[in-house]
Amino acid sequence: MAPDKPENPAPPARPCPICGKPAVQRFKPFCSARCADIDLGRWLKGNYVIPGEPLDETEEAPTRRDEDG
């Protein structure tokens, strides 16, 4: 008989995307609160951008009409 193998083995652990150290379950996918905060700061500063069509900044968003009248 073959040795017992789990049907769905856990995926291999990925390193921290900021520093490359092994990830810690509490801060996953990061290794520490520091690396998580660095990543959050990058998002807030706009360093990470999802490509798309440029928006015309001069256009105003459509406004809702008052339902009263």
N, C-alpha and C. Protein backbone atom coordinates (compact mmCIF):
# COMPACT_ATOMS: atom_id res chain seq x y z
N MET A 1 0.82 -1.20 0.00
CA MET A 1 0.00 0.00 0.00
C MET A 1 0.86 1.26 0.00
N ALA A 2 0.38 2.27 -0.67
CA ALA A 2 1.11 3.55 -0.72
C ALA A 2 0.92 4.30 0.59
N PRO A 3 1.91 5.09 0.99
CA PRO A 3 1.75 5.87 2.22
C PRO A 3 0.58 6.85 2.08
N ASP A 4 -0.06 7.13 3.20
CA ASP A 4 -1.20 8.05 3.19
C ASP A 4 -0.75 9.46 2.84
N LYS A 5 -1.40 10.03 1.83
CA LYS A 5 -1.12 11.40 1.41
C LYS A 5 -2.40 12.20 1.57
N PRO A 6 -2.30 13.43 2.05
CA PRO A 6 -3.51 14.24 2.13
C PRO A 6 -4.05 14.51 0.73
N GLU A 7 -5.38 14.55 0.60
CA GLU A 7 -6.00 14.78 -0.70
C GLU A 7 -5.69 16.17 -1.23
N ASN A 8 -5.71 17.17 -0.37
CA ASN A 8 -5.44 18.55 -0.77
C ASN A 8 -4.28 19.08 0.07
N PRO A 9 -3.05 18.80 -0.36
CA PRO A 9 -1.92 19.30 0.43
C PRO A 9 -1.89 20.82 0.43
N ALA A 10 -1.38 21.40 1.52
CA ALA A 10 -1.28 22.85 1.63
C ALA A 10 -0.35 23.38 0.55
N PRO A 11 -0.69 24.54 -0.04
CA PRO A 11 0.20 25.11 -1.05
C PRO A 11 1.51 25.53 -0.40
N PRO A 12 2.57 25.57 -1.17
CA PRO A 12 3.86 25.98 -0.58
C PRO A 12 3.77 27.40 -0.05
N ALA A 13 4.43 27.62 1.08
CA ALA A 13 4.42 28.94 1.71
C ALA A 13 5.15 29.94 0.81
N ARG A 14 4.54 31.11 0.67
CA ARG A 14 5.17 32.17 -0.13
C ARG A 14 5.92 33.11 0.80
N PRO A 15 7.00 33.67 0.33
CA PRO A 15 7.73 34.63 1.17
C PRO A 15 6.99 35.97 1.25
N CYS A 16 7.35 36.77 2.22
CA CYS A 16 6.79 38.10 2.38
C CYS A 16 7.07 38.92 1.11
N PRO A 17 6.05 39.57 0.53
CA PRO A 17 6.27 40.32 -0.71
C PRO A 17 7.11 41.57 -0.52
N ILE A 18 7.30 42.00 0.72
CA ILE A 18 8.09 43.21 0.97
C ILE A 18 9.57 42.89 1.18
N CYS A 19 9.86 41.93 2.09
CA CYS A 19 11.27 41.68 2.43
C CYS A 19 11.77 40.29 2.04
N GLY A 20 10.86 39.37 1.71
CA GLY A 20 11.28 38.04 1.28
C GLY A 20 11.43 37.03 2.41
N LYS A 21 11.22 37.41 3.66
CA LYS A 21 11.28 36.47 4.78
C LYS A 21 10.04 35.60 4.75
N PRO A 22 10.09 34.46 5.45
CA PRO A 22 8.89 33.60 5.50
C PRO A 22 7.69 34.33 6.12
N ALA A 23 6.52 34.12 5.55
CA ALA A 23 5.31 34.76 6.05
C ALA A 23 4.92 34.15 7.39
N VAL A 24 4.27 34.97 8.23
CA VAL A 24 3.78 34.54 9.53
C VAL A 24 2.26 34.53 9.45
N GLN A 25 1.63 33.48 9.99
CA GLN A 25 0.18 33.32 9.88
C GLN A 25 -0.56 34.56 10.35
N ARG A 26 -0.14 35.18 11.44
CA ARG A 26 -0.84 36.35 12.00
C ARG A 26 -0.88 37.53 11.02
N PHE A 27 0.18 37.71 10.23
CA PHE A 27 0.29 38.86 9.33
C PHE A 27 0.23 38.45 7.86
N LYS A 28 -0.17 37.24 7.59
CA LYS A 28 -0.15 36.70 6.24
C LYS A 28 -0.79 37.65 5.23
N PRO A 29 -0.20 37.93 4.12
CA PRO A 29 0.95 37.27 3.51
C PRO A 29 2.29 37.88 3.90
N PHE A 30 2.30 38.72 4.90
CA PHE A 30 3.53 39.40 5.32
C PHE A 30 4.19 38.67 6.48
N CYS A 31 5.42 39.09 6.82
CA CYS A 31 6.14 38.46 7.91
C CYS A 31 5.96 39.22 9.22
N SER A 32 5.51 40.47 9.15
CA SER A 32 5.39 41.28 10.36
C SER A 32 4.42 42.44 10.11
N ALA A 33 4.05 43.08 11.21
CA ALA A 33 3.18 44.26 11.10
C ALA A 33 3.92 45.37 10.34
N ARG A 34 5.22 45.45 10.50
CA ARG A 34 6.01 46.48 9.80
C ARG A 34 5.87 46.35 8.28
N CYS A 35 6.01 45.12 7.76
CA CYS A 35 5.90 44.92 6.32
C CYS A 35 4.47 45.17 5.85
N ALA A 36 3.48 44.79 6.66
CA ALA A 36 2.09 45.06 6.31
C ALA A 36 1.85 46.57 6.23
N ASP A 37 2.42 47.33 7.16
CA ASP A 37 2.27 48.79 7.15
C ASP A 37 2.98 49.43 5.96
N ILE A 38 4.13 48.90 5.59
CA ILE A 38 4.84 49.41 4.41
C ILE A 38 3.97 49.23 3.17
N ASP A 39 3.36 48.05 3.03
CA ASP A 39 2.50 47.78 1.88
C ASP A 39 1.28 48.70 1.88
N LEU A 40 0.66 48.90 3.04
CA LEU A 40 -0.49 49.80 3.13
C LEU A 40 -0.09 51.22 2.73
N GLY A 41 1.08 51.68 3.20
CA GLY A 41 1.56 53.01 2.83
C GLY A 41 1.75 53.15 1.34
N ARG A 42 2.23 52.10 0.70
CA ARG A 42 2.41 52.15 -0.76
C ARG A 42 1.07 52.28 -1.47
N TRP A 43 0.04 51.57 -0.97
CA TRP A 43 -1.29 51.70 -1.57
C TRP A 43 -1.83 53.11 -1.37
N LEU A 44 -1.69 53.64 -0.17
CA LEU A 44 -2.24 54.96 0.13
C LEU A 44 -1.54 56.08 -0.64
N LYS A 45 -0.25 55.92 -0.91
CA LYS A 45 0.49 56.93 -1.67
C LYS A 45 0.24 56.82 -3.17
N GLY A 46 -0.40 55.74 -3.60
CA GLY A 46 -0.67 55.56 -5.03
C GLY A 46 0.46 54.89 -5.78
N ASN A 47 1.37 54.22 -5.08
CA ASN A 47 2.46 53.54 -5.77
C ASN A 47 1.97 52.34 -6.57
N TYR A 48 0.90 51.71 -6.11
CA TYR A 48 0.31 50.58 -6.83
C TYR A 48 -0.84 51.14 -7.65
N VAL A 49 -0.84 50.85 -8.94
CA VAL A 49 -1.88 51.37 -9.82
C VAL A 49 -2.42 50.23 -10.66
N ILE A 50 -3.72 50.16 -10.76
CA ILE A 50 -4.37 49.18 -11.62
C ILE A 50 -4.61 49.87 -12.96
N PRO A 51 -4.06 49.33 -14.05
CA PRO A 51 -4.20 50.00 -15.34
C PRO A 51 -5.66 50.08 -15.78
N GLY A 52 -5.96 51.14 -16.48
CA GLY A 52 -7.30 51.34 -17.01
C GLY A 52 -7.32 52.60 -17.84
N GLU A 53 -8.47 52.92 -18.37
CA GLU A 53 -8.59 54.13 -19.16
C GLU A 53 -8.47 55.34 -18.25
N PRO A 54 -7.78 56.38 -18.70
CA PRO A 54 -7.65 57.58 -17.86
C PRO A 54 -9.01 58.27 -17.68
N LEU A 55 -9.22 58.82 -16.50
CA LEU A 55 -10.45 59.54 -16.22
C LEU A 55 -10.25 61.01 -16.51
N ASP A 56 -11.28 61.65 -17.00
CA ASP A 56 -11.23 63.09 -17.22
C ASP A 56 -11.57 63.76 -15.90
N GLU A 57 -10.61 64.38 -15.27
CA GLU A 57 -10.78 64.98 -13.95
C GLU A 57 -11.74 66.16 -13.96
N THR A 58 -11.99 66.76 -15.12
CA THR A 58 -12.85 67.94 -15.17
C THR A 58 -14.33 67.58 -15.16
N GLU A 59 -14.65 66.33 -15.52
CA GLU A 59 -16.04 65.91 -15.51
C GLU A 59 -16.51 65.71 -14.09
N GLU A 60 -17.75 66.13 -13.84
CA GLU A 60 -18.32 65.92 -12.53
C GLU A 60 -19.15 64.64 -12.55
N ALA A 61 -19.23 64.01 -11.41
CA ALA A 61 -20.03 62.80 -11.30
C ALA A 61 -21.50 63.17 -11.40
N PRO A 62 -22.30 62.32 -11.99
CA PRO A 62 -23.73 62.63 -12.09
C PRO A 62 -24.34 62.74 -10.69
N THR A 63 -25.24 63.69 -10.52
CA THR A 63 -25.87 63.89 -9.22
C THR A 63 -27.28 63.31 -9.24
N ARG A 64 -27.73 62.88 -8.08
CA ARG A 64 -29.09 62.36 -7.97
C ARG A 64 -30.07 63.52 -7.84
N ARG A 65 -31.18 63.40 -8.50
CA ARG A 65 -32.23 64.41 -8.36
C ARG A 65 -32.99 64.15 -7.07
N ASP A 66 -33.47 65.19 -6.49
CA ASP A 66 -34.29 65.02 -5.30
C ASP A 66 -35.56 64.29 -5.66
N GLU A 67 -35.95 63.33 -4.84
CA GLU A 67 -37.13 62.55 -5.12
C GLU A 67 -38.42 63.32 -4.81
N ASP A 68 -38.31 64.45 -4.08
CA ASP A 68 -39.48 65.23 -3.71
C ASP A 68 -40.04 66.05 -4.88
N GLY A 69 -39.26 66.30 -5.83
CA GLY A 69 -39.89 67.08 -6.83
C GLY A 69 -39.09 67.68 -7.86
